[in-house]
Amino acid sequence: QLQFVESGGGLVQPGGSLRLSCAASGFTLDYYVIGWFRQAPGKEREGVSCIVSSGGSINYADSVKGRFTISRDNAKNTVYLQVNSLKPEDTAVYYCAARKRIYYYCSGREDDYAYWGQGTQVTVSS
């Protein structure tokens, strides 16, 4: 069973930064497309960013372009999301997820992801 552990969330002031981590457990992350999603209170889950297994293709939602950076360290079996210039509207639970191995390209649709972590809370408030 594929499992993820997300960490790095917290309370931060507007303009602040965090680095979210998504550590894989029980499997090798190398072969999987990984996405970051977020869900704010009362809203649907939305795709934030995605990275293919090689790291050669990366996508971002328009709302986070220029502020968020996704990366992966396959040697550490971990994917990261660096979140900078945070705004109150970035407040949400952030999830990482993996597509099945047969898929090798990014997607922003949550239905395209088979394996999910438990999420980490990011709160942006003064």
N, C-alpha and C. Protein backbone atom coordinates (compact mmCIF):
# COMPACT_ATOMS: atom_id res chain seq x y z
N GLN A 1 0.84 -1.18 0.00
CA GLN A 1 0.00 0.00 0.00
C GLN A 1 0.89 1.25 0.00
N LEU A 2 0.65 2.11 -0.96
CA LEU A 2 1.41 3.35 -1.01
C LEU A 2 0.95 4.30 0.07
N GLN A 3 1.89 4.86 0.80
CA GLN A 3 1.55 5.81 1.84
C GLN A 3 2.46 7.03 1.75
N PHE A 4 1.89 8.16 2.09
CA PHE A 4 2.64 9.41 2.15
C PHE A 4 2.50 10.02 3.53
N VAL A 5 3.52 10.76 3.92
CA VAL A 5 3.43 11.57 5.13
C VAL A 5 3.80 12.99 4.75
N GLU A 6 2.82 13.89 4.86
CA GLU A 6 3.07 15.30 4.59
C GLU A 6 3.47 15.99 5.88
N SER A 7 4.33 16.99 5.76
CA SER A 7 4.75 17.77 6.91
C SER A 7 5.16 19.15 6.43
N GLY A 8 5.39 20.03 7.40
CA GLY A 8 5.90 21.36 7.07
C GLY A 8 4.86 22.46 7.12
N GLY A 9 3.61 22.10 7.33
CA GLY A 9 2.59 23.13 7.43
C GLY A 9 2.68 23.89 8.73
N GLY A 10 1.87 24.94 8.85
CA GLY A 10 1.87 25.71 10.08
C GLY A 10 1.17 27.03 9.89
N LEU A 11 1.31 27.88 10.90
CA LEU A 11 0.75 29.23 10.88
C LEU A 11 1.85 30.20 10.46
N VAL A 12 1.56 31.01 9.46
CA VAL A 12 2.55 31.95 8.95
C VAL A 12 1.86 33.27 8.61
N GLN A 13 2.58 34.35 8.73
CA GLN A 13 2.03 35.66 8.40
C GLN A 13 1.99 35.86 6.90
N PRO A 14 1.12 36.73 6.41
CA PRO A 14 1.12 37.03 4.97
C PRO A 14 2.51 37.47 4.51
N GLY A 15 2.91 36.97 3.36
CA GLY A 15 4.25 37.24 2.85
C GLY A 15 5.28 36.22 3.28
N GLY A 16 4.92 35.36 4.19
CA GLY A 16 5.86 34.36 4.70
C GLY A 16 6.01 33.17 3.78
N SER A 17 6.85 32.23 4.25
CA SER A 17 7.18 31.04 3.44
C SER A 17 7.13 29.79 4.29
N LEU A 18 6.92 28.68 3.63
CA LEU A 18 7.00 27.36 4.23
C LEU A 18 7.54 26.39 3.20
N ARG A 19 8.10 25.29 3.66
CA ARG A 19 8.45 24.21 2.75
C ARG A 19 7.68 22.96 3.19
N LEU A 20 6.79 22.53 2.34
CA LEU A 20 6.00 21.34 2.60
C LEU A 20 6.74 20.12 2.05
N SER A 21 6.70 19.04 2.80
CA SER A 21 7.35 17.81 2.38
C SER A 21 6.33 16.69 2.26
N CYS A 22 6.59 15.82 1.32
CA CYS A 22 5.73 14.66 1.09
C CYS A 22 6.67 13.46 1.00
N ALA A 23 6.75 12.71 2.08
CA ALA A 23 7.67 11.57 2.15
C ALA A 23 6.91 10.28 1.87
N ALA A 24 7.46 9.48 0.96
CA ALA A 24 6.82 8.21 0.61
C ALA A 24 7.28 7.11 1.56
N SER A 25 6.36 6.23 1.86
CA SER A 25 6.65 5.12 2.76
C SER A 25 6.20 3.82 2.13
N GLY A 26 7.10 2.85 2.08
CA GLY A 26 6.72 1.53 1.59
C GLY A 26 6.82 1.36 0.10
N PHE A 27 7.29 2.39 -0.61
CA PHE A 27 7.46 2.25 -2.05
C PHE A 27 8.48 3.28 -2.52
N THR A 28 8.96 3.09 -3.74
CA THR A 28 9.92 4.02 -4.32
C THR A 28 9.19 5.05 -5.15
N LEU A 29 9.48 6.30 -4.82
CA LEU A 29 8.75 7.41 -5.42
C LEU A 29 9.15 7.66 -6.88
N ASP A 30 10.29 7.11 -7.28
CA ASP A 30 10.89 7.46 -8.57
C ASP A 30 9.94 7.37 -9.75
N TYR A 31 9.04 6.39 -9.73
CA TYR A 31 8.29 6.08 -10.95
C TYR A 31 6.92 6.75 -11.02
N TYR A 32 6.65 7.62 -10.05
CA TYR A 32 5.30 8.15 -9.94
C TYR A 32 5.23 9.64 -10.25
N VAL A 33 4.16 10.02 -10.92
CA VAL A 33 3.80 11.43 -11.06
C VAL A 33 3.18 11.87 -9.73
N ILE A 34 3.65 12.98 -9.19
CA ILE A 34 3.20 13.46 -7.89
C ILE A 34 2.54 14.82 -8.05
N GLY A 35 1.40 14.96 -7.42
CA GLY A 35 0.70 16.24 -7.42
C GLY A 35 0.50 16.77 -6.02
N TRP A 36 0.44 18.07 -5.91
CA TRP A 36 0.03 18.74 -4.67
C TRP A 36 -1.35 19.35 -4.91
N PHE A 37 -2.22 19.15 -3.96
CA PHE A 37 -3.57 19.70 -4.00
C PHE A 37 -3.81 20.45 -2.69
N ARG A 38 -4.85 21.27 -2.68
CA ARG A 38 -5.23 21.93 -1.45
C ARG A 38 -6.74 22.05 -1.38
N GLN A 39 -7.22 22.10 -0.14
CA GLN A 39 -8.66 22.25 0.07
C GLN A 39 -8.88 23.26 1.18
N ALA A 40 -9.50 24.36 0.83
CA ALA A 40 -9.83 25.39 1.80
C ALA A 40 -11.20 25.09 2.39
N PRO A 41 -11.50 25.60 3.58
CA PRO A 41 -12.80 25.35 4.20
C PRO A 41 -13.95 25.76 3.28
N GLY A 42 -14.89 24.85 3.08
CA GLY A 42 -16.06 25.14 2.28
C GLY A 42 -15.83 25.13 0.79
N LYS A 43 -14.62 24.76 0.36
CA LYS A 43 -14.31 24.76 -1.07
C LYS A 43 -13.91 23.37 -1.53
N GLU A 44 -13.95 23.16 -2.83
CA GLU A 44 -13.52 21.90 -3.40
C GLU A 44 -12.00 21.83 -3.43
N ARG A 45 -11.51 20.59 -3.44
CA ARG A 45 -10.07 20.40 -3.56
C ARG A 45 -9.61 20.86 -4.93
N GLU A 46 -8.46 21.54 -4.98
CA GLU A 46 -7.95 22.03 -6.24
C GLU A 46 -6.49 21.65 -6.42
N GLY A 47 -6.12 21.43 -7.68
CA GLY A 47 -4.73 21.12 -7.99
C GLY A 47 -3.86 22.36 -7.88
N VAL A 48 -2.71 22.19 -7.28
CA VAL A 48 -1.76 23.30 -7.08
C VAL A 48 -0.56 23.15 -7.99
N SER A 49 0.02 21.95 -8.01
CA SER A 49 1.22 21.73 -8.80
C SER A 49 1.40 20.25 -9.03
N CYS A 50 2.22 19.92 -10.02
CA CYS A 50 2.44 18.52 -10.37
C CYS A 50 3.84 18.39 -10.94
N ILE A 51 4.47 17.24 -10.70
CA ILE A 51 5.80 16.98 -11.25
C ILE A 51 5.87 15.54 -11.72
N VAL A 52 6.44 15.33 -12.91
CA VAL A 52 6.55 13.98 -13.43
C VAL A 52 7.74 13.27 -12.77
N SER A 53 7.88 11.98 -13.03
CA SER A 53 8.86 11.18 -12.30
C SER A 53 10.29 11.67 -12.49
N SER A 54 10.61 12.12 -13.68
CA SER A 54 11.98 12.61 -13.95
C SER A 54 12.20 14.02 -13.47
N GLY A 55 11.12 14.73 -13.14
CA GLY A 55 11.23 16.14 -12.80
C GLY A 55 11.29 17.04 -14.01
N GLY A 56 11.21 16.43 -15.21
CA GLY A 56 11.37 17.21 -16.42
C GLY A 56 10.16 17.99 -16.86
N SER A 57 9.04 17.73 -16.27
CA SER A 57 7.81 18.48 -16.60
C SER A 57 7.10 18.83 -15.31
N ILE A 58 6.78 20.12 -15.19
CA ILE A 58 6.17 20.65 -13.98
C ILE A 58 5.02 21.56 -14.37
N ASN A 59 3.92 21.47 -13.65
CA ASN A 59 2.78 22.35 -13.88
C ASN A 59 2.42 23.09 -12.59
N TYR A 60 1.86 24.29 -12.76
CA TYR A 60 1.38 25.06 -11.62
C TYR A 60 0.00 25.65 -11.95
N ALA A 61 -0.83 25.74 -10.92
CA ALA A 61 -2.07 26.49 -11.07
C ALA A 61 -1.73 27.96 -11.23
N ASP A 62 -2.55 28.68 -11.99
CA ASP A 62 -2.28 30.09 -12.23
C ASP A 62 -2.17 30.88 -10.93
N SER A 63 -2.95 30.49 -9.93
CA SER A 63 -3.00 31.23 -8.67
C SER A 63 -1.70 31.16 -7.87
N VAL A 64 -0.82 30.21 -8.21
CA VAL A 64 0.40 30.05 -7.42
C VAL A 64 1.67 30.24 -8.25
N LYS A 65 1.52 30.44 -9.55
CA LYS A 65 2.70 30.61 -10.41
C LYS A 65 3.56 31.77 -9.92
N GLY A 66 4.86 31.53 -9.87
CA GLY A 66 5.79 32.56 -9.42
C GLY A 66 5.97 32.60 -7.92
N ARG A 67 5.12 31.89 -7.18
CA ARG A 67 5.23 31.89 -5.72
C ARG A 67 5.55 30.50 -5.16
N PHE A 68 5.06 29.47 -5.80
CA PHE A 68 5.27 28.10 -5.33
C PHE A 68 6.25 27.39 -6.26
N THR A 69 7.05 26.50 -5.68
CA THR A 69 7.99 25.70 -6.46
C THR A 69 7.93 24.26 -6.00
N ILE A 70 7.68 23.37 -6.95
CA ILE A 70 7.66 21.94 -6.64
C ILE A 70 9.00 21.34 -7.04
N SER A 71 9.46 20.38 -6.26
CA SER A 71 10.70 19.69 -6.58
C SER A 71 10.64 18.28 -6.00
N ARG A 72 11.54 17.45 -6.44
CA ARG A 72 11.57 16.10 -5.89
C ARG A 72 13.01 15.66 -5.72
N ASP A 73 13.23 14.88 -4.67
CA ASP A 73 14.53 14.28 -4.40
C ASP A 73 14.28 12.79 -4.31
N ASN A 74 14.45 12.12 -5.41
CA ASN A 74 14.13 10.69 -5.44
C ASN A 74 15.05 9.89 -4.52
N ALA A 75 16.24 10.38 -4.29
CA ALA A 75 17.15 9.69 -3.37
C ALA A 75 16.61 9.70 -1.94
N LYS A 76 15.88 10.76 -1.61
CA LYS A 76 15.27 10.86 -0.28
C LYS A 76 13.82 10.42 -0.29
N ASN A 77 13.35 9.99 -1.47
CA ASN A 77 11.97 9.51 -1.58
C ASN A 77 10.96 10.57 -1.14
N THR A 78 11.23 11.81 -1.51
CA THR A 78 10.44 12.93 -1.01
C THR A 78 10.20 13.94 -2.13
N VAL A 79 8.99 14.51 -2.11
CA VAL A 79 8.64 15.62 -2.98
C VAL A 79 8.38 16.84 -2.09
N TYR A 80 8.79 18.00 -2.57
CA TYR A 80 8.66 19.23 -1.78
C TYR A 80 7.77 20.24 -2.51
N LEU A 81 7.18 21.10 -1.72
CA LEU A 81 6.48 22.25 -2.27
C LEU A 81 6.93 23.47 -1.46
N GLN A 82 7.76 24.29 -2.08
CA GLN A 82 8.18 25.54 -1.46
C GLN A 82 7.11 26.59 -1.74
N VAL A 83 6.56 27.14 -0.68
CA VAL A 83 5.47 28.11 -0.83
C VAL A 83 5.95 29.44 -0.28
N ASN A 84 6.03 30.43 -1.15
CA ASN A 84 6.52 31.77 -0.80
C ASN A 84 5.44 32.81 -1.01
N SER A 85 5.69 33.98 -0.45
CA SER A 85 4.76 35.12 -0.63
C SER A 85 3.33 34.70 -0.33
N LEU A 86 3.16 34.04 0.78
CA LEU A 86 1.85 33.47 1.10
C LEU A 86 0.81 34.54 1.34
N LYS A 87 -0.40 34.21 0.94
CA LYS A 87 -1.56 35.10 1.08
C LYS A 87 -2.62 34.41 1.93
N PRO A 88 -3.50 35.17 2.55
CA PRO A 88 -4.56 34.53 3.34
C PRO A 88 -5.37 33.52 2.53
N GLU A 89 -5.53 33.77 1.25
CA GLU A 89 -6.30 32.84 0.42
C GLU A 89 -5.57 31.53 0.12
N ASP A 90 -4.32 31.43 0.54
CA ASP A 90 -3.59 30.16 0.43
C ASP A 90 -3.89 29.23 1.60
N THR A 91 -4.62 29.73 2.58
CA THR A 91 -4.98 28.91 3.73
C THR A 91 -5.79 27.70 3.29
N ALA A 92 -5.31 26.51 3.65
CA ALA A 92 -5.95 25.27 3.22
C ALA A 92 -5.20 24.09 3.82
N VAL A 93 -5.80 22.92 3.70
CA VAL A 93 -5.08 21.68 3.95
C VAL A 93 -4.43 21.28 2.62
N TYR A 94 -3.13 21.04 2.67
CA TYR A 94 -2.37 20.68 1.48
C TYR A 94 -2.11 19.18 1.48
N TYR A 95 -2.39 18.57 0.35
CA TYR A 95 -2.24 17.12 0.18
C TYR A 95 -1.28 16.81 -0.95
N CYS A 96 -0.51 15.75 -0.79
CA CYS A 96 0.23 15.22 -1.93
C CYS A 96 -0.45 13.92 -2.36
N ALA A 97 -0.28 13.59 -3.63
CA ALA A 97 -0.94 12.43 -4.19
C ALA A 97 -0.11 11.89 -5.34
N ALA A 98 -0.29 10.62 -5.64
CA ALA A 98 0.43 9.98 -6.73
C ALA A 98 -0.54 9.36 -7.72
N ARG A 99 -0.17 9.45 -9.00
CA ARG A 99 -0.93 8.74 -10.02
C ARG A 99 -0.45 7.29 -10.06
N LYS A 100 -1.23 6.43 -10.66
CA LYS A 100 -0.79 5.06 -10.87
C LYS A 100 0.41 5.06 -11.82
N ARG A 101 1.27 4.05 -11.69
CA ARG A 101 2.52 4.02 -12.44
C ARG A 101 2.34 4.00 -13.95
N ILE A 102 1.18 3.57 -14.42
CA ILE A 102 0.98 3.51 -15.86
C ILE A 102 0.86 4.90 -16.48
N TYR A 103 0.67 5.91 -15.62
CA TYR A 103 0.53 7.28 -16.12
C TYR A 103 1.84 8.02 -15.90
N TYR A 104 2.31 8.72 -16.91
CA TYR A 104 3.60 9.37 -16.81
C TYR A 104 3.53 10.88 -17.04
N TYR A 105 2.31 11.41 -17.17
CA TYR A 105 2.18 12.84 -17.40
C TYR A 105 1.36 13.47 -16.28
N CYS A 106 1.49 14.78 -16.15
CA CYS A 106 0.82 15.50 -15.07
C CYS A 106 -0.67 15.67 -15.33
N SER A 107 -1.41 15.85 -14.26
CA SER A 107 -2.83 16.18 -14.32
C SER A 107 -3.19 17.02 -13.13
N GLY A 108 -4.11 17.95 -13.32
CA GLY A 108 -4.59 18.77 -12.22
C GLY A 108 -5.90 18.28 -11.64
N ARG A 109 -6.38 17.13 -12.12
CA ARG A 109 -7.67 16.59 -11.68
C ARG A 109 -7.45 15.59 -10.55
N GLU A 110 -8.14 15.77 -9.45
CA GLU A 110 -7.93 14.87 -8.31
C GLU A 110 -8.36 13.46 -8.63
N ASP A 111 -9.32 13.29 -9.53
CA ASP A 111 -9.78 11.94 -9.86
C ASP A 111 -8.70 11.13 -10.59
N ASP A 112 -7.69 11.79 -11.09
CA ASP A 112 -6.60 11.10 -11.80
C ASP A 112 -5.53 10.56 -10.86
N TYR A 113 -5.70 10.80 -9.57
CA TYR A 113 -4.70 10.38 -8.58
C TYR A 113 -5.27 9.27 -7.70
N ALA A 114 -4.46 8.24 -7.50
CA ALA A 114 -4.95 7.04 -6.81
C ALA A 114 -4.53 6.97 -5.35
N TYR A 115 -3.44 7.63 -5.00
CA TYR A 115 -2.87 7.47 -3.66
C TYR A 115 -2.70 8.85 -3.04
N TRP A 116 -3.16 8.97 -1.79
CA TRP A 116 -3.21 10.28 -1.12
C TRP A 116 -2.58 10.23 0.26
N GLY A 117 -1.99 11.37 0.64
CA GLY A 117 -1.54 11.53 2.01
C GLY A 117 -2.65 12.09 2.87
N GLN A 118 -2.33 12.31 4.14
CA GLN A 118 -3.36 12.74 5.10
C GLN A 118 -3.51 14.26 5.15
N GLY A 119 -2.56 14.98 4.56
CA GLY A 119 -2.65 16.43 4.49
C GLY A 119 -1.90 17.14 5.60
N THR A 120 -1.51 18.38 5.32
CA THR A 120 -0.88 19.24 6.32
C THR A 120 -1.53 20.61 6.21
N GLN A 121 -1.84 21.20 7.37
CA GLN A 121 -2.58 22.46 7.40
C GLN A 121 -1.63 23.64 7.22
N VAL A 122 -1.99 24.53 6.31
CA VAL A 122 -1.29 25.80 6.14
C VAL A 122 -2.29 26.91 6.43
N THR A 123 -1.94 27.76 7.40
CA THR A 123 -2.79 28.88 7.77
C THR A 123 -2.00 30.17 7.61
N VAL A 124 -2.53 31.08 6.82
CA VAL A 124 -1.86 32.36 6.58
C VAL A 124 -2.71 33.45 7.21
N SER A 125 -2.18 34.05 8.26
CA SER A 125 -2.96 35.03 9.00
C SER A 125 -2.01 35.93 9.78
N SER A 126 -2.42 37.19 9.92
CA SER A 126 -1.65 38.12 10.73
C SER A 126 -2.18 38.14 12.16
